[in-house]
Amino acid sequence: MAVPQGAARVARTMSSSPPTTEAEKVVRPGTVPGEVPEAAAADRRRNFLHAVVVAIRPGEWIKNLFVLGPLVFSGLFDEADQVVAALVTFGAFCAMASAGYLLNDLLDRELDRQHPVKSLRPIASGDLPVGAAGAIAVLLVPLALGAGFAVAWDVAAMVAAYGVLTAAYSLGLKHVVIVDVMSIAALFLIRVLAGAIAIDVTASSWLLLCTGMLALLLGFGKRRQEAVAEETSNGARPVLEHYSEPFLDQMMALVTAGTIISYAIYAMESPIVGEKMIATTPPVLYGIFRYLYLIYHRRDTRSTATLVARDPGIVAAIAVWAVTAVVLLST
């Protein structure tokens, strides 16, 4: 049966109704136009939480494992009270370190926006609002100090000293050539001292010297990585203008030798097992040599924390060292 021409036009008009607009798409039964749907709001909350997690840099907490050094070398890792005290101290330093990272990124957000990689940081990219980042940093400080006080007042004092030095580093010390790297080394020493105080032992002079040398090695290594990255990017650290690669190579050679010698002497004079601790030297040597190989031959510019946590060679060296040390100190 033929369809009347007028009816056909009406049918075509009804079937070719205009596409749904974006505003209409988000309106569902039971909602008011202009309101954000629950799914979108939940998505936004997840994005905010992800930005917070990235901004506090949990991957960098691996540096705070130095707090546990005295626990391992003292042989007290089989005493529950000491282990708990060391772990709480570790947590306190993680909280204070995250507060420091937030402060640093708040201060450097304009400079970071000019960098191809750092511009992706939550604060620089705008994923984490400045006000929220500042509020989280302020909340983390009393949390860190409270955890320190839960162990001992002098542990809290070390956590506070760490926070003050971290703030000083972000506010200006990182722009002073050589002092910047020495400040980084001092932060590692504070970690070790706090770990010793937490379990009521005395950190030996050789352990502190070895820690300082290793921290200087990592610090100058970081500057060399940044100097290599600066060759192909803009917005790098201003202090790198004062670091030439030949100078950094000299510093790396010097502190590498100091690290190896000081650790070997410390291992031979272990107060627990004596010269037997020298058996832990081979994985230490391999770990250092692997780190130098990655920086010089591979020209790897990943962060120190990333190298330590993800490079198979360095991870294997740390694992072998830890197993060997625990076995020796347990017998």
C-alpha atoms as a PDB file:
ATOM      1  CA  MET A   1       0.000   0.000   0.000  1.00  0.00           C
ATOM      2  CA  ALA A   2       1.410   3.386  -0.923  1.00  0.00           C
ATOM      3  CA  VAL A   3       2.273   5.789   1.853  1.00  0.00           C
ATOM      4  CA  PRO A   4       0.856   9.283   1.461  1.00  0.00           C
ATOM      5  CA  GLN A   5       3.513  11.833   0.608  1.00  0.00           C
ATOM      6  CA  GLY A   6       2.732  14.048   3.621  1.00  0.00           C
ATOM      7  CA  ALA A   7       2.967  11.128   6.023  1.00  0.00           C
ATOM      8  CA  ALA A   8       6.336  10.167   4.539  1.00  0.00           C
ATOM      9  CA  ARG A   9       7.668  13.668   5.142  1.00  0.00           C
ATOM     10  CA  VAL A  10       6.492  13.533   8.768  1.00  0.00           C
ATOM     11  CA  ALA A  11       8.137  10.148   9.254  1.00  0.00           C
ATOM     12  CA  ARG A  12      11.425  11.410   7.817  1.00  0.00           C
ATOM     13  CA  THR A  13      11.287  14.459  10.053  1.00  0.00           C
ATOM     14  CA  MET A  14      10.708  12.331  13.151  1.00  0.00           C
ATOM     15  CA  SER A  15      13.456   9.865  12.289  1.00  0.00           C
ATOM     16  CA  SER A  16      16.010  12.599  11.578  1.00  0.00           C
ATOM     17  CA  SER A  17      15.713  14.318  14.944  1.00  0.00           C
ATOM     18  CA  PRO A  18      18.836  16.328  15.946  1.00  0.00           C
ATOM     19  CA  PRO A  19      21.578  14.388  17.758  1.00  0.00           C
ATOM     20  CA  THR A  20      21.624  14.435  21.530  1.00  0.00           C
ATOM     21  CA  THR A  21      23.749  17.293  22.838  1.00  0.00           C
ATOM     22  CA  GLU A  22      26.527  16.837  25.434  1.00  0.00           C
ATOM     23  CA  ALA A  23      24.385  18.582  28.021  1.00  0.00           C
ATOM     24  CA  GLU A  24      21.510  16.189  27.319  1.00  0.00           C
ATOM     25  CA  LYS A  25      23.795  13.177  27.524  1.00  0.00           C
ATOM     26  CA  VAL A  26      24.701  13.827  31.135  1.00  0.00           C
ATOM     27  CA  VAL A  27      21.102  14.311  32.281  1.00  0.00           C
ATOM     28  CA  ARG A  28      19.535  11.141  33.571  1.00  0.00           C
ATOM     29  CA  PRO A  29      16.215  10.448  35.273  1.00  0.00           C
ATOM     30  CA  GLY A  30      16.342  11.678  38.817  1.00  0.00           C
ATOM     31  CA  THR A  31      19.066  14.264  38.143  1.00  0.00           C
ATOM     32  CA  VAL A  32      19.002  17.985  37.639  1.00  0.00           C
ATOM     33  CA  PRO A  33      20.501  19.468  34.448  1.00  0.00           C
ATOM     34  CA  GLY A  34      23.959  20.891  35.195  1.00  0.00           C
ATOM     35  CA  GLU A  35      24.722  18.470  38.020  1.00  0.00           C
ATOM     36  CA  VAL A  36      27.734  16.136  37.710  1.00  0.00           C
ATOM     37  CA  PRO A  37      26.638  12.480  37.544  1.00  0.00           C
ATOM     38  CA  GLU A  38      27.812  10.191  40.364  1.00  0.00           C
ATOM     39  CA  ALA A  39      30.096   8.206  38.041  1.00  0.00           C
ATOM     40  CA  ALA A  40      31.859  11.358  36.839  1.00  0.00           C
ATOM     41  CA  ALA A  41      32.230  12.629  40.411  1.00  0.00           C
ATOM     42  CA  ALA A  42      33.712   9.304  41.495  1.00  0.00           C
ATOM     43  CA  ASP A  43      36.091   9.426  38.543  1.00  0.00           C
ATOM     44  CA  ARG A  44      37.200  12.902  39.562  1.00  0.00           C
ATOM     45  CA  ARG A  45      37.808  11.746  43.151  1.00  0.00           C
ATOM     46  CA  ARG A  46      39.898   8.844  41.871  1.00  0.00           C
ATOM     47  CA  ASN A  47      41.962  11.216  39.738  1.00  0.00           C
ATOM     48  CA  PHE A  48      42.544  13.463  42.749  1.00  0.00           C
ATOM     49  CA  LEU A  49      43.609  10.546  44.933  1.00  0.00           C
ATOM     50  CA  HIS A  50      45.939   9.315  42.211  1.00  0.00           C
ATOM     51  CA  ALA A  51      47.475  12.787  41.958  1.00  0.00           C
ATOM     52  CA  VAL A  52      48.048  12.819  45.730  1.00  0.00           C
ATOM     53  CA  VAL A  53      49.721   9.406  45.661  1.00  0.00           C
ATOM     54  CA  VAL A  54      52.009  10.441  42.818  1.00  0.00           C
ATOM     55  CA  ALA A  55      52.847  13.778  44.478  1.00  0.00           C
ATOM     56  CA  ILE A  56      53.969  12.233  47.789  1.00  0.00           C
ATOM     57  CA  ARG A  57      56.350   9.967  45.802  1.00  0.00           C
ATOM     58  CA  PRO A  58      56.087   6.620  47.612  1.00  0.00           C
ATOM     59  CA  GLY A  59      58.689   5.246  45.211  1.00  0.00           C
ATOM     60  CA  GLU A  60      61.280   7.502  46.875  1.00  0.00           C
ATOM     61  CA  TRP A  61      60.602   5.988  50.303  1.00  0.00           C
ATOM     62  CA  ILE A  62      63.150   3.319  49.453  1.00  0.00           C
ATOM     63  CA  LYS A  63      65.808   5.829  50.562  1.00  0.00           C
ATOM     64  CA  ASN A  64      64.413   5.614  54.091  1.00  0.00           C
ATOM     65  CA  LEU A  65      65.532   1.986  54.297  1.00  0.00           C
ATOM     66  CA  PHE A  66      68.770   3.465  55.627  1.00  0.00           C
ATOM     67  CA  VAL A  67      66.819   3.837  58.876  1.00  0.00           C
ATOM     68  CA  LEU A  68      66.870   0.040  59.122  1.00  0.00           C
ATOM     69  CA  GLY A  69      70.645  -0.201  58.639  1.00  0.00           C
ATOM     70  CA  PRO A  70      71.501  -0.160  62.366  1.00  0.00           C
ATOM     71  CA  LEU A  71      68.849  -2.843  62.973  1.00  0.00           C
ATOM     72  CA  VAL A  72      70.558  -5.163  60.483  1.00  0.00           C
ATOM     73  CA  PHE A  73      74.151  -4.488  61.499  1.00  0.00           C
ATOM     74  CA  SER A  74      73.394  -4.790  65.220  1.00  0.00           C
ATOM     75  CA  GLY A  75      71.881  -8.240  64.748  1.00  0.00           C
ATOM     76  CA  LEU A  76      68.693  -7.202  66.585  1.00  0.00           C
ATOM     77  CA  PHE A  77      66.363  -8.039  63.682  1.00  0.00           C
ATOM     78  CA  ASP A  78      65.069 -11.057  65.653  1.00  0.00           C
ATOM     79  CA  GLU A  79      63.730  -8.915  68.520  1.00  0.00           C
ATOM     80  CA  ALA A  80      60.129  -7.848  67.921  1.00  0.00           C
ATOM     81  CA  ASP A  81      60.234  -4.635  69.996  1.00  0.00           C
ATOM     82  CA  GLN A  82      63.308  -3.380  68.143  1.00  0.00           C
ATOM     83  CA  VAL A  83      61.835  -4.271  64.764  1.00  0.00           C
ATOM     84  CA  VAL A  84      58.610  -2.400  65.562  1.00  0.00           C
ATOM     85  CA  ALA A  85      60.532   0.668  66.761  1.00  0.00           C
ATOM     86  CA  ALA A  86      62.640   0.688  63.586  1.00  0.00           C
ATOM     87  CA  LEU A  87      59.597   0.288  61.333  1.00  0.00           C
ATOM     88  CA  VAL A  88      57.692   3.106  63.068  1.00  0.00           C
ATOM     89  CA  THR A  89      60.756   5.312  62.655  1.00  0.00           C
ATOM     90  CA  PHE A  90      60.875   4.336  58.985  1.00  0.00           C
ATOM     91  CA  GLY A  91      57.229   5.381  58.649  1.00  0.00           C
ATOM     92  CA  ALA A  92      57.925   8.713  60.345  1.00  0.00           C
ATOM     93  CA  PHE A  93      60.660   9.492  57.830  1.00  0.00           C
ATOM     94  CA  CYS A  94      58.402   8.481  54.938  1.00  0.00           C
ATOM     95  CA  ALA A  95      55.751  10.956  56.098  1.00  0.00           C
ATOM     96  CA  MET A  96      58.267  13.773  56.584  1.00  0.00           C
ATOM     97  CA  ALA A  97      59.928  13.018  53.249  1.00  0.00           C
ATOM     98  CA  SER A  98      56.575  13.242  51.459  1.00  0.00           C
ATOM     99  CA  ALA A  99      55.903  16.601  53.097  1.00  0.00           C
ATOM    100  CA  GLY A 100      59.274  17.730  51.779  1.00  0.00           C
ATOM    101  CA  TYR A 101      58.504  16.522  48.248  1.00  0.00           C
ATOM    102  CA  LEU A 102      55.247  18.456  48.269  1.00  0.00           C
ATOM    103  CA  LEU A 103      57.014  21.623  49.470  1.00  0.00           C
ATOM    104  CA  ASN A 104      59.694  21.210  46.809  1.00  0.00           C
ATOM    105  CA  ASP A 105      57.143  20.752  44.020  1.00  0.00           C
ATOM    106  CA  LEU A 106      55.117  23.730  45.233  1.00  0.00           C
ATOM    107  CA  LEU A 107      58.188  25.967  45.124  1.00  0.00           C
ATOM    108  CA  ASP A 108      59.387  24.642  41.758  1.00  0.00           C
ATOM    109  CA  ARG A 109      56.062  24.366  39.949  1.00  0.00           C
ATOM    110  CA  GLU A 110      56.792  27.220  37.507  1.00  0.00           C
ATOM    111  CA  LEU A 111      60.237  25.850  36.650  1.00  0.00           C
ATOM    112  CA  ASP A 112      58.895  22.306  36.405  1.00  0.00           C
ATOM    113  CA  ARG A 113      56.333  23.398  33.806  1.00  0.00           C
ATOM    114  CA  GLN A 114      59.220  24.181  31.446  1.00  0.00           C
ATOM    115  CA  HIS A 115      60.676  20.670  31.789  1.00  0.00           C
ATOM    116  CA  PRO A 116      59.527  17.849  29.462  1.00  0.00           C
ATOM    117  CA  VAL A 117      59.297  15.305  32.297  1.00  0.00           C
ATOM    118  CA  LYS A 118      58.814  17.323  35.482  1.00  0.00           C
ATOM    119  CA  SER A 119      55.913  19.170  33.851  1.00  0.00           C
ATOM    120  CA  LEU A 120      53.929  15.948  34.324  1.00  0.00           C
ATOM    121  CA  ARG A 121      54.199  16.175  38.102  1.00  0.00           C
ATOM    122  CA  PRO A 122      50.743  16.590  39.699  1.00  0.00           C
ATOM    123  CA  ILE A 123      51.300  20.105  41.035  1.00  0.00           C
ATOM    124  CA  ALA A 124      53.041  21.442  37.928  1.00  0.00           C
ATOM    125  CA  SER A 125      50.404  19.919  35.631  1.00  0.00           C
ATOM    126  CA  GLY A 126      47.518  21.218  37.741  1.00  0.00           C
ATOM    127  CA  ASP A 127      46.180  17.759  38.618  1.00  0.00           C
ATOM    128  CA  LEU A 128      46.761  18.550  42.301  1.00  0.00           C
ATOM    129  CA  PRO A 129      45.660  22.064  43.345  1.00  0.00           C
ATOM    130  CA  VAL A 130      48.236  24.190  45.146  1.00  0.00           C
ATOM    131  CA  GLY A 131      46.010  24.641  48.190  1.00  0.00           C
ATOM    132  CA  ALA A 132      45.372  20.922  48.543  1.00  0.00           C
ATOM    133  CA  ALA A 133      49.079  20.116  48.199  1.00  0.00           C
ATOM    134  CA  GLY A 134      49.968  22.645  50.897  1.00  0.00           C
ATOM    135  CA  ALA A 135      47.299  21.304  53.238  1.00  0.00           C
ATOM    136  CA  ILE A 136      48.496  17.716  52.818  1.00  0.00           C
ATOM    137  CA  ALA A 137      52.099  18.760  53.488  1.00  0.00           C
ATOM    138  CA  VAL A 138      51.043  20.544  56.682  1.00  0.00           C
ATOM    139  CA  LEU A 139      49.124  17.459  57.854  1.00  0.00           C
ATOM    140  CA  LEU A 140      52.046  15.116  57.187  1.00  0.00           C
ATOM    141  CA  VAL A 141      54.442  17.033  59.452  1.00  0.00           C
ATOM    142  CA  PRO A 142      52.629  16.400  62.787  1.00  0.00           C
ATOM    143  CA  LEU A 143      51.946  12.840  61.645  1.00  0.00           C
ATOM    144  CA  ALA A 144      55.685  12.284  61.190  1.00  0.00           C
ATOM    145  CA  LEU A 145      56.580  13.924  64.486  1.00  0.00           C
ATOM    146  CA  GLY A 146      53.880  11.966  66.300  1.00  0.00           C
ATOM    147  CA  ALA A 147      55.270   8.687  64.980  1.00  0.00           C
ATOM    148  CA  GLY A 148      58.727   9.766  66.102  1.00  0.00           C
ATOM    149  CA  PHE A 149      57.508  10.594  69.604  1.00  0.00           C
ATOM    150  CA  ALA A 150      55.806   7.190  69.751  1.00  0.00           C
ATOM    151  CA  VAL A 151      59.309   5.682  69.623  1.00  0.00           C
ATOM    152  CA  ALA A 152      61.321   8.240  71.625  1.00  0.00           C
ATOM    153  CA  TRP A 153      61.602  11.995  71.942  1.00  0.00           C
ATOM    154  CA  ASP A 154      65.092  12.004  70.430  1.00  0.00           C
ATOM    155  CA  VAL A 155      63.808  10.065  67.415  1.00  0.00           C
ATOM    156  CA  ALA A 156      61.208  12.802  66.968  1.00  0.00           C
ATOM    157  CA  ALA A 157      64.044  15.347  67.235  1.00  0.00           C
ATOM    158  CA  MET A 158      65.901  13.587  64.397  1.00  0.00           C
ATOM    159  CA  VAL A 159      62.726  13.518  62.298  1.00  0.00           C
ATOM    160  CA  ALA A 160      62.311  17.253  62.947  1.00  0.00           C
ATOM    161  CA  ALA A 161      65.958  17.892  62.004  1.00  0.00           C
ATOM    162  CA  TYR A 162      65.390  15.954  58.797  1.00  0.00           C
ATOM    163  CA  GLY A 163      62.329  18.088  58.023  1.00  0.00           C
ATOM    164  CA  VAL A 164      64.171  21.348  58.687  1.00  0.00           C
ATOM    165  CA  LEU A 165      67.116  20.355  56.483  1.00  0.00           C
ATOM    166  CA  THR A 166      64.744  19.172  53.738  1.00  0.00           C
ATOM    167  CA  ALA A 167      62.959  22.525  53.811  1.00  0.00           C
ATOM    168  CA  ALA A 168      66.270  24.392  53.775  1.00  0.00           C
ATOM    169  CA  TYR A 169      67.349  22.304  50.795  1.00  0.00           C
ATOM    170  CA  SER A 170      64.180  23.161  48.863  1.00  0.00           C
ATOM    171  CA  LEU A 171      64.328  26.839  49.811  1.00  0.00           C
ATOM    172  CA  GLY A 172      67.910  27.464  48.764  1.00  0.00           C
ATOM    173  CA  LEU A 173      70.606  24.882  49.545  1.00  0.00           C
ATOM    174  CA  LYS A 174      69.899  22.966  46.349  1.00  0.00           C
ATOM    175  CA  HIS A 175      71.043  26.021  44.384  1.00  0.00           C
ATOM    176  CA  VAL A 176      74.486  26.132  46.059  1.00  0.00           C
ATOM    177  CA  VAL A 177      77.089  24.066  44.234  1.00  0.00           C
ATOM    178  CA  ILE A 178      78.606  21.182  46.288  1.00  0.00           C
ATOM    179  CA  VAL A 179      76.575  22.210  49.345  1.00  0.00           C
ATOM    180  CA  ASP A 180      73.526  20.745  47.609  1.00  0.00           C
ATOM    181  CA  VAL A 181      75.087  17.271  47.418  1.00  0.00           C
ATOM    182  CA  MET A 182      76.495  17.514  50.935  1.00  0.00           C
ATOM    183  CA  SER A 183      72.989  18.358  52.169  1.00  0.00           C
ATOM    184  CA  ILE A 184      71.694  15.188  50.538  1.00  0.00           C
ATOM    185  CA  ALA A 185      74.433  13.205  52.289  1.00  0.00           C
ATOM    186  CA  ALA A 186      73.493  14.795  55.616  1.00  0.00           C
ATOM    187  CA  LEU A 187      69.891  13.643  55.148  1.00  0.00           C
ATOM    188  CA  PHE A 188      71.092  10.052  54.782  1.00  0.00           C
ATOM    189  CA  LEU A 189      73.223  10.349  57.910  1.00  0.00           C
ATOM    190  CA  ILE A 190      70.215  11.618  59.872  1.00  0.00           C
ATOM    191  CA  ARG A 191      68.283   8.538  58.774  1.00  0.00           C
ATOM    192  CA  VAL A 192      70.998   6.194  60.046  1.00  0.00           C
ATOM    193  CA  LEU A 193      71.380   8.067  63.332  1.00  0.00           C
ATOM    194  CA  ALA A 194      67.629   7.997  63.907  1.00  0.00           C
ATOM    195  CA  GLY A 195      67.556   4.266  63.191  1.00  0.00           C
ATOM    196  CA  ALA A 196      70.292   3.700  65.763  1.00  0.00           C
ATOM    197  CA  ILE A 197      68.537   5.827  68.388  1.00  0.00           C
ATOM    198  CA  ALA A 198      65.252   4.004  67.780  1.00  0.00           C
ATOM    199  CA  ILE A 199      66.748   0.630  68.808  1.00  0.00           C
ATOM    200  CA  ASP A 200      69.086   2.102  71.442  1.00  0.00           C
ATOM    201  CA  VAL A 201      72.417   1.272  69.810  1.00  0.00           C
ATOM    202  CA  THR A 202      75.373   3.419  68.829  1.00  0.00           C
ATOM    203  CA  ALA A 203      76.146   3.840  65.145  1.00  0.00           C
ATOM    204  CA  SER A 204      79.850   3.233  64.605  1.00  0.00           C
ATOM    205  CA  SER A 205      82.035   5.891  63.057  1.00  0.00           C
ATOM    206  CA  TRP A 206      82.839   3.607  60.122  1.00  0.00           C
ATOM    207  CA  LEU A 207      79.151   3.008  59.424  1.00  0.00           C
ATOM    208  CA  LEU A 208      78.502   6.747  59.396  1.00  0.00           C
ATOM    209  CA  LEU A 209      81.529   7.362  57.168  1.00  0.00           C
ATOM    210  CA  CYS A 210      80.454   4.641  54.748  1.00  0.00           C
ATOM    211  CA  THR A 211      76.899   6.033  54.684  1.00  0.00           C
ATOM    212  CA  GLY A 212      78.197   9.537  54.004  1.00  0.00           C
ATOM    213  CA  MET A 213      80.441   8.341  51.166  1.00  0.00           C
ATOM    214  CA  LEU A 214      77.657   6.305  49.585  1.00  0.00           C
ATOM    215  CA  ALA A 215      75.259   9.254  49.861  1.00  0.00           C
ATOM    216  CA  LEU A 216      77.810  11.530  48.174  1.00  0.00           C
ATOM    217  CA  LEU A 217      78.209   8.953  45.410  1.00  0.00           C
ATOM    218  CA  LEU A 218      74.459   8.876  44.838  1.00  0.00           C
ATOM    219  CA  GLY A 219      74.251  12.673  45.065  1.00  0.00           C
ATOM    220  CA  PHE A 220      76.977  13.382  42.515  1.00  0.00           C
ATOM    221  CA  GLY A 221      75.608  10.546  40.396  1.00  0.00           C
ATOM    222  CA  LYS A 222      72.228  12.242  40.386  1.00  0.00           C
ATOM    223  CA  ARG A 223      73.790  15.533  39.302  1.00  0.00           C
ATOM    224  CA  ARG A 224      75.628  13.778  36.489  1.00  0.00           C
ATOM    225  CA  GLN A 225      72.392  12.170  35.316  1.00  0.00           C
ATOM    226  CA  GLU A 226      70.740  15.594  35.310  1.00  0.00           C
ATOM    227  CA  ALA A 227      73.678  17.085  33.419  1.00  0.00           C
ATOM    228  CA  VAL A 228      73.253  14.405  30.727  1.00  0.00           C
ATOM    229  CA  ALA A 229      69.494  14.999  30.577  1.00  0.00           C
ATOM    230  CA  GLU A 230      70.053  18.760  30.284  1.00  0.00           C
ATOM    231  CA  GLU A 231      71.709  18.208  26.906  1.00  0.00           C
ATOM    232  CA  THR A 232      68.327  17.432  25.359  1.00  0.00           C
ATOM    233  CA  SER A 233      65.881  19.358  27.568  1.00  0.00           C
ATOM    234  CA  ASN A 234      65.151  22.769  29.015  1.00  0.00           C
ATOM    235  CA  GLY A 235      64.184  23.880  32.507  1.00  0.00           C
ATOM    236  CA  ALA A 236      66.816  21.851  34.339  1.00  0.00           C
ATOM    237  CA  ARG A 237      68.236  22.754  37.729  1.00  0.00           C
ATOM    238  CA  PRO A 238      69.999  26.150  37.692  1.00  0.00           C
ATOM    239  CA  VAL A 239      72.813  24.712  39.845  1.00  0.00           C
ATOM    240  CA  LEU A 240      73.836  22.476  36.930  1.00  0.00           C
ATOM    241  CA  GLU A 241      75.422  25.527  35.321  1.00  0.00           C
ATOM    242  CA  HIS A 242      78.211  25.083  37.881  1.00  0.00           C
ATOM    243  CA  TYR A 243      78.659  21.346  37.363  1.00  0.00           C
ATOM    244  CA  SER A 244      80.719  20.271  34.376  1.00  0.00           C
ATOM    245  CA  GLU A 245      80.864  16.604  33.457  1.00  0.00           C
ATOM    246  CA  PRO A 246      84.667  16.364  33.993  1.00  0.00           C
ATOM    247  CA  PHE A 247      84.255  17.823  37.504  1.00  0.00           C
ATOM    248  CA  LEU A 248      81.416  15.405  38.301  1.00  0.00           C
ATOM    249  CA  ASP A 249      83.502  12.509  36.978  1.00  0.00           C
ATOM    250  CA  GLN A 250      86.320  13.457  39.368  1.00  0.00           C
ATOM    251  CA  MET A 251      83.928  13.658  42.302  1.00  0.00           C
ATOM    252  CA  MET A 252      82.370  10.309  41.375  1.00  0.00           C
ATOM    253  CA  ALA A 253      85.779   8.623  41.237  1.00  0.00           C
ATOM    254  CA  LEU A 254      86.770  10.087  44.599  1.00  0.00           C
ATOM    255  CA  VAL A 255      83.624   9.133  46.523  1.00  0.00           C
ATOM    256  CA  THR A 256      83.436   5.708  44.858  1.00  0.00           C
ATOM    257  CA  ALA A 257      86.853   4.860  46.245  1.00  0.00           C
ATOM    258  CA  GLY A 258      85.876   6.280  49.634  1.00  0.00           C
ATOM    259  CA  THR A 259      82.675   4.224  49.707  1.00  0.00           C
ATOM    260  CA  ILE A 260      84.385   0.946  48.901  1.00  0.00           C
ATOM    261  CA  ILE A 261      87.284   1.443  51.316  1.00  0.00           C
ATOM    262  CA  SER A 262      85.125   2.606  54.214  1.00  0.00           C
ATOM    263  CA  TYR A 263      82.686  -0.290  53.789  1.00  0.00           C
ATOM    264  CA  ALA A 264      85.505  -2.847  53.586  1.00  0.00           C
ATOM    265  CA  ILE A 265      87.048  -1.511  56.808  1.00  0.00           C
ATOM    266  CA  TYR A 266      83.660  -1.462  58.538  1.00  0.00           C
ATOM    267  CA  ALA A 267      82.997  -5.049  57.412  1.00  0.00           C
ATOM    268  CA  MET A 268      86.333  -6.253  58.773  1.00  0.00           C
ATOM    269  CA  GLU A 269      85.702  -4.584  62.131  1.00  0.00           C
ATOM    270  CA  SER A 270      82.134  -5.783  62.676  1.00  0.00           C
ATOM    271  CA  PRO A 271      81.447  -5.829  66.445  1.00  0.00           C
ATOM    272  CA  ILE A 272      79.173  -8.859  66.009  1.00  0.00           C
ATOM    273  CA  VAL A 273      80.965 -11.321  63.696  1.00  0.00           C
ATOM    274  CA  GLY A 274      84.331  -9.657  63.146  1.00  0.00           C
ATOM    275  CA  GLU A 275      86.105 -10.216  59.830  1.00  0.00           C
ATOM    276  CA  LYS A 276      83.457 -12.690  58.609  1.00  0.00           C
ATOM    277  CA  MET A 277      81.384  -9.685  57.500  1.00  0.00           C
ATOM    278  CA  ILE A 278      83.881  -9.153  54.680  1.00  0.00           C
ATOM    279  CA  ALA A 279      81.863 -11.812  52.820  1.00  0.00           C
ATOM    280  CA  THR A 280      79.246  -9.116  52.164  1.00  0.00           C
ATOM    281  CA  THR A 281      81.742  -7.057  50.164  1.00  0.00           C
ATOM    282  CA  PRO A 282      81.354  -8.750  46.713  1.00  0.00           C
ATOM    283  CA  PRO A 283      77.644  -7.823  46.261  1.00  0.00           C
ATOM    284  CA  VAL A 284      78.425  -4.290  47.461  1.00  0.00           C
ATOM    285  CA  LEU A 285      81.175  -3.978  44.852  1.00  0.00           C
ATOM    286  CA  TYR A 286      78.949  -5.362  42.124  1.00  0.00           C
ATOM    287  CA  GLY A 287      76.092  -3.020  43.071  1.00  0.00           C
ATOM    288  CA  ILE A 288      78.359   0.027  42.906  1.00  0.00           C
ATOM    289  CA  PHE A 289      79.949  -1.068  39.627  1.00  0.00           C
ATOM    290  CA  ARG A 290      76.516  -1.758  38.138  1.00  0.00           C
ATOM    291  CA  TYR A 291      75.342   1.719  39.188  1.00  0.00           C
ATOM    292  CA  LEU A 292      78.362   3.315  37.506  1.00  0.00           C
ATOM    293  CA  TYR A 293      77.794   1.194  34.391  1.00  0.00           C
ATOM    294  CA  LEU A 294      74.203   2.412  34.111  1.00  0.00           C
ATOM    295  CA  ILE A 295      75.185   6.059  34.503  1.00  0.00           C
ATOM    296  CA  TYR A 296      78.272   6.120  32.289  1.00  0.00           C
ATOM    297  CA  HIS A 297      77.700   3.434  29.662  1.00  0.00           C
ATOM    298  CA  ARG A 298      73.908   3.331  29.437  1.00  0.00           C
ATOM    299  CA  ARG A 299      73.577   7.048  30.269  1.00  0.00           C
ATOM    300  CA  ASP A 300      70.518   6.081  32.294  1.00  0.00           C
ATOM    301  CA  THR A 301      68.717   9.167  33.616  1.00  0.00           C
ATOM    302  CA  ARG A 302      66.134   7.425  35.799  1.00  0.00           C
ATOM    303  CA  SER A 303      66.018   8.440  39.455  1.00  0.00           C
ATOM    304  CA  THR A 304      68.229   6.668  41.989  1.00  0.00           C
ATOM    305  CA  ALA A 305      65.174   5.168  43.674  1.00  0.00           C
ATOM    306  CA  THR A 306      63.987   3.770  40.339  1.00  0.00           C
ATOM    307  CA  LEU A 307      67.387   2.265  39.548  1.00  0.00           C
ATOM    308  CA  VAL A 308      67.635   0.637  42.969  1.00  0.00           C
ATOM    309  CA  ALA A 309      64.104  -0.750  42.831  1.00  0.00           C
ATOM    310  CA  ARG A 310      63.903  -1.838  39.186  1.00  0.00           C
ATOM    311  CA  ASP A 311      67.331  -2.585  37.754  1.00  0.00           C
ATOM    312  CA  PRO A 312      67.727  -6.393  37.940  1.00  0.00           C
ATOM    313  CA  GLY A 313      71.462  -6.221  38.631  1.00  0.00           C
ATOM    314  CA  ILE A 314      71.199  -3.789  41.533  1.00  0.00           C
ATOM    315  CA  VAL A 315      68.159  -5.574  42.982  1.00  0.00           C
ATOM    316  CA  ALA A 316      70.055  -8.879  42.852  1.00  0.00           C
ATOM    317  CA  ALA A 317      73.103  -7.317  44.526  1.00  0.00           C
ATOM    318  CA  ILE A 318      70.982  -5.912  47.365  1.00  0.00           C
ATOM    319  CA  ALA A 319      69.216  -9.245  47.832  1.00  0.00           C
ATOM    320  CA  VAL A 320      72.478 -11.210  47.976  1.00  0.00           C
ATOM    321  CA  TRP A 321      73.970  -8.669  50.391  1.00  0.00           C
ATOM    322  CA  ALA A 322      70.918  -8.797  52.669  1.00  0.00           C
ATOM    323  CA  VAL A 323      70.785 -12.601  52.768  1.00  0.00           C
ATOM    324  CA  THR A 324      74.522 -12.870  53.388  1.00  0.00           C
ATOM    325  CA  ALA A 325      74.455 -10.258  56.157  1.00  0.00           C
ATOM    326  CA  VAL A 326      71.472 -11.863  57.914  1.00  0.00           C
ATOM    327  CA  VAL A 327      73.028 -15.331  57.746  1.00  0.00           C
ATOM    328  CA  LEU A 328      76.352 -14.119  59.120  1.00  0.00           C
ATOM    329  CA  LEU A 329      74.820 -12.049  61.889  1.00  0.00           C
ATOM    330  CA  SER A 330      72.455 -14.872  62.901  1.00  0.00           C
ATOM    331  CA  THR A 331      75.197 -17.449  63.438  1.00  0.00           C
END
